[in-house]
Structure formats: C-alpha cells, structure tokens
C-alpha cells in the first residue's frame, strides 16, 4: 500500500474513532516536509477536528498553514508517548484543547514519513505512574511559557548530553526570592552581574551556556520571566521518599521538595536515562523521554 493510501485509511479510521468516542480533536503527527505534502493532497485534510503536530522550524505548505491548527514540538526524537504528552502540553497552552479533553492521535516512528499507530486519550483520567501526565496545575501558572522553553533545553541535554558524555541537571522556575532562600550557592554564580537582557533563555548564547554549565554540580534558578538568575545552587529542601518518588535519587527528591515549599516548577534531567521529569507541589506531573542519540555513558 502506498504511503498516501495508508495515511488516508488511518486518518479516516481516526476520524471515525473520534466521532464514536466523542473526542475533541485528532492530532496528526507529521515528521517532514514530504509528509506535509502528502497530507495536503488528501481530501480529509479539510476536517476541522484535525490538528497538525510538526517539529519546530519545519516548513509547512501554504495551503495547510492557512487552514489548519498547528502545534510545534521539540525537534528531537522522543518516545511515542513522550511526543504525545509534549504535544498535549503545547495544545493546552495554545487553548487548542482543555486539560480534560479527549484526543485521538495518529503517528508513526520519529523521523519517518509513514504513519502506523492510532491512540485515544481521555485527559480527564489519570495516566499511569509509568506515563505520568497532569498539566492542570502547570497551566494555571502565568509562567507556563517559560517552563516549556526550559523543557526544550532539558530535552536537548537529556538526548545529547555534553561533549559525548551523559549529563544530569536541575532547573527551578518560579518565585526567585523564595527559591534563593531555600538554596545556597555551591559554586561561583556564572550569571551574576549580567543585565537581565543578557540572561534570557530565549537567547541562543544563553542556551549554549546553560548546556555547558549543566556539567557542573547544582541547579539553575530561572525567574518566571525566563531570566537565568543563578547556576550551581544547592537545594536545601529534602523530602521523604513517597511512593511516586521511589527509585529516584537525591537530585529528583530535592527538586520535588522545593516545589512543595516554594511557588516553583522543577525540571530535572536524569543523568542515567536522559528522562526529563517535571515536578509541581512535590509530585511528578509529566515525564518526557528523549531518545538518546550521540550520548555515551
């Protein structure tokens, strides 16, 4: 069966499932310009419930760009469930769906043009411990955009490490005054003394500095506005090991604990697996799994 024919069959079945399950949207994950071109030639493209999910910076044909809702995702390789969860967070942020929406997803292997999987998700139901996803508390915060920008950086670190070596690190985003009181400087703060406009996480220079400094001990402290206030901070808060945190190390537990005592979100990169875990109020609200590329342990 040709790619276009298979895509048409999958989309038709996904739309049928969406109607039968009263789902709000159908998310179609496309990995390349070629797959966008194939989709643009399918009559089903006109269905208003279809939302396109594509990597950042990917070109989209004008006929699609002007007609379809588009969700941009991190450009690297994640597991399928991780790609779905990331797309859901972005979609809630863009008010495309609600935290309790039902969504049908169509996707295939990352980096390939063919589609081979249909999944159905009711976001009002709890996800399993293996695939935690509960963005309700996260999206209620006015610095949600900053958290997503940090997650992108964390996914890069988790997938690639630094200079071929695995790296683990922590980002704390939120009320800087509270976070500073609950931590202390473990090393000289490399961001001290620079103006705010030179420390924003939207700057490519700052992102590269963060990736380089992620090899050092300590956490990054980032304001709600996306300004890096400090690096190399030791988090003083230490939590008890809950069932959800069982098996996680001190980096994850201290990050979880500080979100219980401060108005903050923690994003932690696991050195051993590259997994990116997001904490709020001491709980895991999402875990994203980049596929390790050139990292070596």
C-alpha atoms as a PDB file:
ATOM      1  CA  UNK A   1       0.000   0.000   0.000  1.00  0.00           C
ATOM      2  CA  UNK A   2       1.328   3.455  -0.906  1.00  0.00           C
ATOM      3  CA  UNK A   3       2.126   5.902   1.893  1.00  0.00           C
ATOM      4  CA  UNK A   4      -0.668   8.231   0.780  1.00  0.00           C
ATOM      5  CA  UNK A   5      -3.221   5.378   0.683  1.00  0.00           C
ATOM      6  CA  UNK A   6      -2.168   4.120   4.132  1.00  0.00           C
ATOM      7  CA  UNK A   7      -2.309   7.649   5.529  1.00  0.00           C
ATOM      8  CA  UNK A   8      -5.817   8.113   4.135  1.00  0.00           C
ATOM      9  CA  UNK A   9      -7.020   4.861   5.728  1.00  0.00           C
ATOM     10  CA  UNK A  10      -5.531   5.769   9.119  1.00  0.00           C
ATOM     11  CA  UNK A  11      -6.959   9.293   9.076  1.00  0.00           C
ATOM     12  CA  UNK A  12     -10.399   8.022   8.073  1.00  0.00           C
ATOM     13  CA  UNK A  13     -10.385   5.499  10.921  1.00  0.00           C
ATOM     14  CA  UNK A  14      -9.083   8.078  13.401  1.00  0.00           C
ATOM     15  CA  UNK A  15     -11.883  10.473  12.452  1.00  0.00           C
ATOM     16  CA  UNK A  16     -14.415   7.659  12.875  1.00  0.00           C
ATOM     17  CA  UNK A  17     -12.995   6.824  16.315  1.00  0.00           C
ATOM     18  CA  UNK A  18     -13.103  10.500  17.263  1.00  0.00           C
ATOM     19  CA  UNK A  19     -16.801  10.655  16.421  1.00  0.00           C
ATOM     20  CA  UNK A  20     -17.633   7.394  18.187  1.00  0.00           C
ATOM     21  CA  UNK A  21     -15.730   8.340  21.360  1.00  0.00           C
ATOM     22  CA  UNK A  22     -16.865  11.978  21.316  1.00  0.00           C
ATOM     23  CA  UNK A  23     -13.236  13.141  21.119  1.00  0.00           C
ATOM     24  CA  UNK A  24     -12.497  16.835  20.698  1.00  0.00           C
ATOM     25  CA  UNK A  25      -9.568  16.689  18.293  1.00  0.00           C
ATOM     26  CA  UNK A  26      -7.488  14.392  16.105  1.00  0.00           C
ATOM     27  CA  UNK A  27      -3.738  15.057  16.389  1.00  0.00           C
ATOM     28  CA  UNK A  28      -1.807  14.114  13.245  1.00  0.00           C
ATOM     29  CA  UNK A  29       1.954  13.879  13.815  1.00  0.00           C
ATOM     30  CA  UNK A  30       3.963  14.696  10.673  1.00  0.00           C
ATOM     31  CA  UNK A  31       7.746  14.459  10.654  1.00  0.00           C
ATOM     32  CA  UNK A  32       8.850  16.012   7.371  1.00  0.00           C
ATOM     33  CA  UNK A  33       8.002  18.399   4.564  1.00  0.00           C
ATOM     34  CA  UNK A  34       7.277  15.367   2.357  1.00  0.00           C
ATOM     35  CA  UNK A  35       4.665  14.031   4.778  1.00  0.00           C
ATOM     36  CA  UNK A  36       3.071  17.509   4.891  1.00  0.00           C
ATOM     37  CA  UNK A  37       2.878  17.476   1.095  1.00  0.00           C
ATOM     38  CA  UNK A  38       1.242  14.026   1.149  1.00  0.00           C
ATOM     39  CA  UNK A  39      -1.280  15.216   3.716  1.00  0.00           C
ATOM     40  CA  UNK A  40      -2.118  18.352   1.720  1.00  0.00           C
ATOM     41  CA  UNK A  41      -3.288  16.127  -1.164  1.00  0.00           C
ATOM     42  CA  UNK A  42      -5.735  14.137   0.957  1.00  0.00           C
ATOM     43  CA  UNK A  43      -9.358  15.264   0.913  1.00  0.00           C
ATOM     44  CA  UNK A  44      -9.709  14.562   4.640  1.00  0.00           C
ATOM     45  CA  UNK A  45      -7.382  17.499   5.321  1.00  0.00           C
ATOM     46  CA  UNK A  46     -10.477  19.701   5.342  1.00  0.00           C
ATOM     47  CA  UNK A  47     -11.870  18.138   8.528  1.00  0.00           C
ATOM     48  CA  UNK A  48     -11.834  20.859  11.185  1.00  0.00           C
ATOM     49  CA  UNK A  49     -11.063  18.465  14.038  1.00  0.00           C
ATOM     50  CA  UNK A  50      -7.589  17.622  12.662  1.00  0.00           C
ATOM     51  CA  UNK A  51      -4.637  19.362  14.337  1.00  0.00           C
ATOM     52  CA  UNK A  52      -1.156  19.048  12.817  1.00  0.00           C
ATOM     53  CA  UNK A  53       1.782  18.313  15.122  1.00  0.00           C
ATOM     54  CA  UNK A  54       5.133  19.075  13.486  1.00  0.00           C
ATOM     55  CA  UNK A  55       8.719  19.725  14.603  1.00  0.00           C
ATOM     56  CA  UNK A  56       9.802  23.307  15.138  1.00  0.00           C
ATOM     57  CA  UNK A  57      11.346  25.055  12.133  1.00  0.00           C
ATOM     58  CA  UNK A  58       9.763  22.603   9.703  1.00  0.00           C
ATOM     59  CA  UNK A  59       8.336  24.221   6.590  1.00  0.00           C
ATOM     60  CA  UNK A  60       4.600  23.811   6.071  1.00  0.00           C
ATOM     61  CA  UNK A  61       2.831  24.178   2.694  1.00  0.00           C
ATOM     62  CA  UNK A  62       0.832  27.404   2.497  1.00  0.00           C
ATOM     63  CA  UNK A  63      -2.391  25.509   1.750  1.00  0.00           C
ATOM     64  CA  UNK A  64      -2.062  23.773   5.127  1.00  0.00           C
ATOM     65  CA  UNK A  65      -0.610  26.675   7.091  1.00  0.00           C
ATOM     66  CA  UNK A  66      -3.581  28.876   6.286  1.00  0.00           C
ATOM     67  CA  UNK A  67      -6.249  26.267   7.034  1.00  0.00           C
ATOM     68  CA  UNK A  68      -5.059  24.039   9.866  1.00  0.00           C
ATOM     69  CA  UNK A  69      -4.235  24.485  13.543  1.00  0.00           C
ATOM     70  CA  UNK A  70      -0.556  23.649  14.038  1.00  0.00           C
ATOM     71  CA  UNK A  71       1.218  22.516  17.214  1.00  0.00           C
ATOM     72  CA  UNK A  72       5.006  22.825  17.163  1.00  0.00           C
ATOM     73  CA  UNK A  73       7.022  20.237  19.081  1.00  0.00           C
ATOM     74  CA  UNK A  74      10.596  19.771  20.206  1.00  0.00           C
ATOM     75  CA  UNK A  75      12.602  18.875  17.092  1.00  0.00           C
ATOM     76  CA  UNK A  76      14.421  15.865  18.557  1.00  0.00           C
ATOM     77  CA  UNK A  77      13.479  12.214  18.884  1.00  0.00           C
ATOM     78  CA  UNK A  78      11.255  11.233  21.807  1.00  0.00           C
ATOM     79  CA  UNK A  79       9.395   8.066  22.579  1.00  0.00           C
ATOM     80  CA  UNK A  80       5.867   7.996  21.162  1.00  0.00           C
ATOM     81  CA  UNK A  81       4.155   8.618  24.483  1.00  0.00           C
ATOM     82  CA  UNK A  82       6.593  11.434  25.207  1.00  0.00           C
ATOM     83  CA  UNK A  83       5.816  13.101  21.875  1.00  0.00           C
ATOM     84  CA  UNK A  84       2.094  12.841  22.618  1.00  0.00           C
ATOM     85  CA  UNK A  85       2.422  14.335  26.108  1.00  0.00           C
ATOM     86  CA  UNK A  86       4.573  17.212  24.845  1.00  0.00           C
ATOM     87  CA  UNK A  87       2.011  17.957  22.120  1.00  0.00           C
ATOM     88  CA  UNK A  88      -0.787  17.933  24.699  1.00  0.00           C
ATOM     89  CA  UNK A  89       1.051  20.474  26.868  1.00  0.00           C
ATOM     90  CA  UNK A  90       1.585  22.767  23.899  1.00  0.00           C
ATOM     91  CA  UNK A  91      -2.032  22.336  22.789  1.00  0.00           C
ATOM     92  CA  UNK A  92      -3.385  23.253  26.218  1.00  0.00           C
ATOM     93  CA  UNK A  93      -1.077  26.282  26.258  1.00  0.00           C
ATOM     94  CA  UNK A  94      -2.450  27.382  22.872  1.00  0.00           C
ATOM     95  CA  UNK A  95      -6.046  26.743  24.018  1.00  0.00           C
ATOM     96  CA  UNK A  96      -6.487  24.144  21.276  1.00  0.00           C
ATOM     97  CA  UNK A  97      -7.690  21.592  23.852  1.00  0.00           C
ATOM     98  CA  UNK A  98      -8.638  21.600  27.528  1.00  0.00           C
ATOM     99  CA  UNK A  99      -6.918  19.617  30.332  1.00  0.00           C
ATOM    100  CA  UNK A 100      -9.889  17.224  30.326  1.00  0.00           C
ATOM    101  CA  UNK A 101     -10.269  16.848  26.544  1.00  0.00           C
ATOM    102  CA  UNK A 102     -10.439  13.582  24.638  1.00  0.00           C
ATOM    103  CA  UNK A 103      -7.925  13.344  21.803  1.00  0.00           C
ATOM    104  CA  UNK A 104      -7.207  10.782  19.099  1.00  0.00           C
ATOM    105  CA  UNK A 105      -3.574  10.680  17.889  1.00  0.00           C
ATOM    106  CA  UNK A 106      -2.134   9.365  14.632  1.00  0.00           C
ATOM    107  CA  UNK A 107       1.634   8.930  14.488  1.00  0.00           C
ATOM    108  CA  UNK A 108       4.478   6.795  13.247  1.00  0.00           C
ATOM    109  CA  UNK A 109       8.175   6.353  14.036  1.00  0.00           C
ATOM    110  CA  UNK A 110      10.070   9.573  14.627  1.00  0.00           C
ATOM    111  CA  UNK A 111      11.930  10.757  11.526  1.00  0.00           C
ATOM    112  CA  UNK A 112       9.901   8.538   9.172  1.00  0.00           C
ATOM    113  CA  UNK A 113       7.142   9.543   6.773  1.00  0.00           C
ATOM    114  CA  UNK A 114       4.743   6.646   7.300  1.00  0.00           C
ATOM    115  CA  UNK A 115       2.034   6.515   9.968  1.00  0.00           C
ATOM    116  CA  UNK A 116       1.187   3.258  11.728  1.00  0.00           C
ATOM    117  CA  UNK A 117      -0.389   3.983  15.132  1.00  0.00           C
ATOM    118  CA  UNK A 118      -3.715   5.336  16.420  1.00  0.00           C
ATOM    119  CA  UNK A 119      -4.143   6.091  20.129  1.00  0.00           C
ATOM    120  CA  UNK A 120      -7.071   7.509  22.124  1.00  0.00           C
ATOM    121  CA  UNK A 121      -6.546   9.624  25.250  1.00  0.00           C
ATOM    122  CA  UNK A 122      -9.010  10.920  27.832  1.00  0.00           C
ATOM    123  CA  UNK A 123      -7.050  13.602  29.676  1.00  0.00           C
ATOM    124  CA  UNK A 124      -9.619  13.729  32.470  1.00  0.00           C
ATOM    125  CA  UNK A 125      -8.452  10.279  33.585  1.00  0.00           C
ATOM    126  CA  UNK A 126      -5.228   9.638  35.454  1.00  0.00           C
ATOM    127  CA  UNK A 127      -2.301   8.377  33.459  1.00  0.00           C
ATOM    128  CA  UNK A 128      -0.268   5.514  34.868  1.00  0.00           C
ATOM    129  CA  UNK A 129       2.818   6.030  37.009  1.00  0.00           C
ATOM    130  CA  UNK A 130       4.880   4.918  34.021  1.00  0.00           C
ATOM    131  CA  UNK A 131       3.433   7.680  31.843  1.00  0.00           C
ATOM    132  CA  UNK A 132       2.534  10.496  34.278  1.00  0.00           C
ATOM    133  CA  UNK A 133       0.766  13.474  32.750  1.00  0.00           C
ATOM    134  CA  UNK A 134      -1.264  16.031  34.692  1.00  0.00           C
ATOM    135  CA  UNK A 135      -0.737  19.583  33.377  1.00  0.00           C
ATOM    136  CA  UNK A 136      -3.640  21.170  35.263  1.00  0.00           C
ATOM    137  CA  UNK A 137      -1.535  22.828  37.955  1.00  0.00           C
ATOM    138  CA  UNK A 138       1.143  23.735  35.443  1.00  0.00           C
ATOM    139  CA  UNK A 139      -1.102  25.606  33.027  1.00  0.00           C
ATOM    140  CA  UNK A 140      -2.638  27.624  35.849  1.00  0.00           C
ATOM    141  CA  UNK A 141       0.690  29.358  36.362  1.00  0.00           C
ATOM    142  CA  UNK A 142       1.453  32.521  34.425  1.00  0.00           C
ATOM    143  CA  UNK A 143       4.994  31.333  33.630  1.00  0.00           C
ATOM    144  CA  UNK A 144       3.922  28.249  31.682  1.00  0.00           C
ATOM    145  CA  UNK A 145       5.701  29.551  28.552  1.00  0.00           C
ATOM    146  CA  UNK A 146       8.976  29.744  30.490  1.00  0.00           C
ATOM    147  CA  UNK A 147       8.566  26.159  31.703  1.00  0.00           C
ATOM    148  CA  UNK A 148       8.091  24.904  28.131  1.00  0.00           C
ATOM    149  CA  UNK A 149      11.222  26.766  26.989  1.00  0.00           C
ATOM    150  CA  UNK A 150      13.185  25.142  29.824  1.00  0.00           C
ATOM    151  CA  UNK A 151      11.767  21.714  28.952  1.00  0.00           C
ATOM    152  CA  UNK A 152      13.129  22.123  25.406  1.00  0.00           C
ATOM    153  CA  UNK A 153      16.606  22.825  26.781  1.00  0.00           C
ATOM    154  CA  UNK A 154      16.309  19.891  29.180  1.00  0.00           C
ATOM    155  CA  UNK A 155      15.314  17.543  26.341  1.00  0.00           C
ATOM    156  CA  UNK A 156      18.414  18.613  24.417  1.00  0.00           C
ATOM    157  CA  UNK A 157      20.606  17.871  27.427  1.00  0.00           C
ATOM    158  CA  UNK A 158      18.868  14.549  28.052  1.00  0.00           C
ATOM    159  CA  UNK A 159      19.231  13.409  24.448  1.00  0.00           C
ATOM    160  CA  UNK A 160      22.720  14.652  23.664  1.00  0.00           C
ATOM    161  CA  UNK A 161      24.478  15.224  26.973  1.00  0.00           C
ATOM    162  CA  UNK A 162      27.527  17.395  26.544  1.00  0.00           C
ATOM    163  CA  UNK A 163      30.647  16.565  24.537  1.00  0.00           C
ATOM    164  CA  UNK A 164      29.539  12.951  24.246  1.00  0.00           C
ATOM    165  CA  UNK A 165      29.025  12.451  27.973  1.00  0.00           C
ATOM    166  CA  UNK A 166      25.782  11.916  29.865  1.00  0.00           C
ATOM    167  CA  UNK A 167      24.649  14.877  31.956  1.00  0.00           C
ATOM    168  CA  UNK A 168      22.106  15.281  34.720  1.00  0.00           C
ATOM    169  CA  UNK A 169      20.913  18.645  35.958  1.00  0.00           C
ATOM    170  CA  UNK A 170      18.035  20.554  37.584  1.00  0.00           C
ATOM    171  CA  UNK A 171      16.105  23.698  36.674  1.00  0.00           C
ATOM    172  CA  UNK A 172      13.913  25.517  39.209  1.00  0.00           C
ATOM    173  CA  UNK A 173      11.494  28.050  37.682  1.00  0.00           C
ATOM    174  CA  UNK A 174       9.311  30.399  39.694  1.00  0.00           C
ATOM    175  CA  UNK A 175       9.476  32.832  42.625  1.00  0.00           C
ATOM    176  CA  UNK A 176      13.213  33.571  42.704  1.00  0.00           C
ATOM    177  CA  UNK A 177      13.181  35.146  46.167  1.00  0.00           C
ATOM    178  CA  UNK A 178      11.612  32.046  47.708  1.00  0.00           C
ATOM    179  CA  UNK A 179      13.896  29.675  45.792  1.00  0.00           C
ATOM    180  CA  UNK A 180      17.052  31.567  46.786  1.00  0.00           C
ATOM    181  CA  UNK A 181      16.035  31.349  50.440  1.00  0.00           C
ATOM    182  CA  UNK A 182      15.646  27.569  50.066  1.00  0.00           C
ATOM    183  CA  UNK A 183      19.052  27.047  48.432  1.00  0.00           C
ATOM    184  CA  UNK A 184      22.661  28.166  48.663  1.00  0.00           C
ATOM    185  CA  UNK A 185      25.420  28.782  46.183  1.00  0.00           C
ATOM    186  CA  UNK A 186      27.620  25.692  45.759  1.00  0.00           C
ATOM    187  CA  UNK A 187      29.963  27.291  43.213  1.00  0.00           C
ATOM    188  CA  UNK A 188      30.603  30.800  41.926  1.00  0.00           C
ATOM    189  CA  UNK A 189      27.469  32.022  40.153  1.00  0.00           C
ATOM    190  CA  UNK A 190      28.472  32.410  36.475  1.00  0.00           C
ATOM    191  CA  UNK A 191      25.367  34.534  35.716  1.00  0.00           C
ATOM    192  CA  UNK A 192      25.923  37.108  38.460  1.00  0.00           C
ATOM    193  CA  UNK A 193      26.467  40.695  37.345  1.00  0.00           C
ATOM    194  CA  UNK A 194      24.999  40.406  33.848  1.00  0.00           C
ATOM    195  CA  UNK A 195      21.966  42.517  32.881  1.00  0.00           C
ATOM    196  CA  UNK A 196      18.630  40.726  32.567  1.00  0.00           C
ATOM    197  CA  UNK A 197      18.514  41.133  28.790  1.00  0.00           C
ATOM    198  CA  UNK A 198      21.750  39.126  28.561  1.00  0.00           C
ATOM    199  CA  UNK A 199      20.415  36.217  30.626  1.00  0.00           C
ATOM    200  CA  UNK A 200      17.158  35.317  28.886  1.00  0.00           C
ATOM    201  CA  UNK A 201      16.603  31.665  27.995  1.00  0.00           C
ATOM    202  CA  UNK A 202      15.344  32.644  24.547  1.00  0.00           C
ATOM    203  CA  UNK A 203      18.899  33.740  23.663  1.00  0.00           C
ATOM    204  CA  UNK A 204      20.892  31.097  21.786  1.00  0.00           C
ATOM    205  CA  UNK A 205      24.054  32.219  23.606  1.00  0.00           C
ATOM    206  CA  UNK A 206      22.414  31.707  26.983  1.00  0.00           C
ATOM    207  CA  UNK A 207      21.093  28.286  25.945  1.00  0.00           C
ATOM    208  CA  UNK A 208      24.574  27.170  24.929  1.00  0.00           C
ATOM    209  CA  UNK A 209      25.984  28.479  28.221  1.00  0.00           C
ATOM    210  CA  UNK A 210      23.343  26.514  30.137  1.00  0.00           C
ATOM    211  CA  UNK A 211      24.235  23.322  28.268  1.00  0.00           C
ATOM    212  CA  UNK A 212      27.922  23.844  29.038  1.00  0.00           C
ATOM    213  CA  UNK A 213      27.307  24.684  32.708  1.00  0.00           C
ATOM    214  CA  UNK A 214      24.950  21.710  33.118  1.00  0.00           C
ATOM    215  CA  UNK A 215      28.057  19.574  33.639  1.00  0.00           C
ATOM    216  CA  UNK A 216      28.658  21.351  36.964  1.00  0.00           C
ATOM    217  CA  UNK A 217      27.003  20.496  40.263  1.00  0.00           C
ATOM    218  CA  UNK A 218      23.957  22.411  41.366  1.00  0.00           C
ATOM    219  CA  UNK A 219      20.684  23.705  39.972  1.00  0.00           C
ATOM    220  CA  UNK A 220      19.778  26.538  37.620  1.00  0.00           C
ATOM    221  CA  UNK A 221      17.410  29.137  39.072  1.00  0.00           C
ATOM    222  CA  UNK A 222      15.177  30.810  36.485  1.00  0.00           C
ATOM    223  CA  UNK A 223      12.640  33.576  37.029  1.00  0.00           C
ATOM    224  CA  UNK A 224       9.036  33.446  35.840  1.00  0.00           C
ATOM    225  CA  UNK A 225      10.050  35.809  33.042  1.00  0.00           C
ATOM    226  CA  UNK A 226      12.732  33.391  31.786  1.00  0.00           C
ATOM    227  CA  UNK A 227      15.806  35.152  33.223  1.00  0.00           C
ATOM    228  CA  UNK A 228      18.577  32.868  34.483  1.00  0.00           C
ATOM    229  CA  UNK A 229      19.331  34.179  37.967  1.00  0.00           C
ATOM    230  CA  UNK A 230      21.873  31.606  39.080  1.00  0.00           C
ATOM    231  CA  UNK A 231      23.613  28.337  38.320  1.00  0.00           C
ATOM    232  CA  UNK A 232      25.318  25.962  40.708  1.00  0.00           C
ATOM    233  CA  UNK A 233      22.739  26.336  43.514  1.00  0.00           C
ATOM    234  CA  UNK A 234      22.437  23.553  46.076  1.00  0.00           C
ATOM    235  CA  UNK A 235      18.810  22.917  47.050  1.00  0.00           C
ATOM    236  CA  UNK A 236      18.425  22.781  50.821  1.00  0.00           C
ATOM    237  CA  UNK A 237      14.991  21.148  50.906  1.00  0.00           C
ATOM    238  CA  UNK A 238      14.960  17.368  51.224  1.00  0.00           C
ATOM    239  CA  UNK A 239      11.748  15.372  51.044  1.00  0.00           C
ATOM    240  CA  UNK A 240      10.756  11.958  52.267  1.00  0.00           C
ATOM    241  CA  UNK A 241      10.603   9.221  49.668  1.00  0.00           C
ATOM    242  CA  UNK A 242       6.966   8.921  48.570  1.00  0.00           C
ATOM    243  CA  UNK A 243       5.667   6.012  46.506  1.00  0.00           C
ATOM    244  CA  UNK A 244       5.856   8.159  43.375  1.00  0.00           C
ATOM    245  CA  UNK A 245       9.480   9.145  44.067  1.00  0.00           C
ATOM    246  CA  UNK A 246      10.626   5.649  44.999  1.00  0.00           C
ATOM    247  CA  UNK A 247      13.689   4.696  42.995  1.00  0.00           C
ATOM    248  CA  UNK A 248      14.637   8.301  42.214  1.00  0.00           C
ATOM    249  CA  UNK A 249      17.863   9.839  43.501  1.00  0.00           C
ATOM    250  CA  UNK A 250      18.617  12.872  45.634  1.00  0.00           C
ATOM    251  CA  UNK A 251      18.522  15.242  42.649  1.00  0.00           C
ATOM    252  CA  UNK A 252      14.898  14.373  41.935  1.00  0.00           C
ATOM    253  CA  UNK A 253      13.829  14.279  45.590  1.00  0.00           C
ATOM    254  CA  UNK A 254      15.310  17.681  46.437  1.00  0.00           C
ATOM    255  CA  UNK A 255      13.751  19.170  43.294  1.00  0.00           C
ATOM    256  CA  UNK A 256      10.370  17.707  44.220  1.00  0.00           C
ATOM    257  CA  UNK A 257      10.708  19.014  47.768  1.00  0.00           C
ATOM    258  CA  UNK A 258      11.466  22.603  46.797  1.00  0.00           C
ATOM    259  CA  UNK A 259       8.258  22.710  44.744  1.00  0.00           C
ATOM    260  CA  UNK A 260       6.385  21.887  47.967  1.00  0.00           C
ATOM    261  CA  UNK A 261       7.888  24.856  49.810  1.00  0.00           C
ATOM    262  CA  UNK A 262       8.120  27.436  47.013  1.00  0.00           C
ATOM    263  CA  UNK A 263       5.943  28.722  44.206  1.00  0.00           C
ATOM    264  CA  UNK A 264       8.043  26.891  41.645  1.00  0.00           C
ATOM    265  CA  UNK A 265       8.221  24.198  38.999  1.00  0.00           C
ATOM    266  CA  UNK A 266      11.216  21.855  38.837  1.00  0.00           C
ATOM    267  CA  UNK A 267      12.545  20.273  35.641  1.00  0.00           C
ATOM    268  CA  UNK A 268      15.085  17.511  36.196  1.00  0.00           C
ATOM    269  CA  UNK A 269      17.270  15.698  33.660  1.00  0.00           C
ATOM    270  CA  UNK A 270      18.312  12.192  34.653  1.00  0.00           C
ATOM    271  CA  UNK A 271      21.985  11.508  34.054  1.00  0.00           C
ATOM    272  CA  UNK A 272      21.437   7.774  33.670  1.00  0.00           C
ATOM    273  CA  UNK A 273      18.448   7.743  31.306  1.00  0.00           C
ATOM    274  CA  UNK A 274      18.085  11.259  29.881  1.00  0.00           C
ATOM    275  CA  UNK A 275      14.448  11.339  31.056  1.00  0.00           C
ATOM    276  CA  UNK A 276      13.076  14.822  31.745  1.00  0.00           C
ATOM    277  CA  UNK A 277      10.804  14.916  34.797  1.00  0.00           C
ATOM    278  CA  UNK A 278       8.601  17.890  35.718  1.00  0.00           C
ATOM    279  CA  UNK A 279       7.575  18.436  39.353  1.00  0.00           C
ATOM    280  CA  UNK A 280       4.931  20.653  40.931  1.00  0.00           C
ATOM    281  CA  UNK A 281       3.804  20.629  44.568  1.00  0.00           C
ATOM    282  CA  UNK A 282       6.101  17.693  45.239  1.00  0.00           C
ATOM    283  CA  UNK A 283       4.540  15.479  42.576  1.00  0.00           C
ATOM    284  CA  UNK A 284       5.561  14.321  39.123  1.00  0.00           C
ATOM    285  CA  UNK A 285       3.196  15.967  36.645  1.00  0.00           C
ATOM    286  CA  UNK A 286       4.958  14.823  33.474  1.00  0.00           C
ATOM    287  CA  UNK A 287       7.902  12.712  32.378  1.00  0.00           C
ATOM    288  CA  UNK A 288       9.302  13.039  28.852  1.00  0.00           C
ATOM    289  CA  UNK A 289      11.698  10.564  27.272  1.00  0.00           C
ATOM    290  CA  UNK A 290      14.101  11.814  24.627  1.00  0.00           C
ATOM    291  CA  UNK A 291      15.743   9.066  22.628  1.00  0.00           C
ATOM    292  CA  UNK A 292      19.463   9.173  23.309  1.00  0.00           C
ATOM    293  CA  UNK A 293      21.394   9.979  20.139  1.00  0.00           C
ATOM    294  CA  UNK A 294      25.133  10.556  20.486  1.00  0.00           C
ATOM    295  CA  UNK A 295      25.385  10.304  24.272  1.00  0.00           C
ATOM    296  CA  UNK A 296      27.696   7.716  25.720  1.00  0.00           C
ATOM    297  CA  UNK A 297      27.719   6.715  29.374  1.00  0.00           C
END
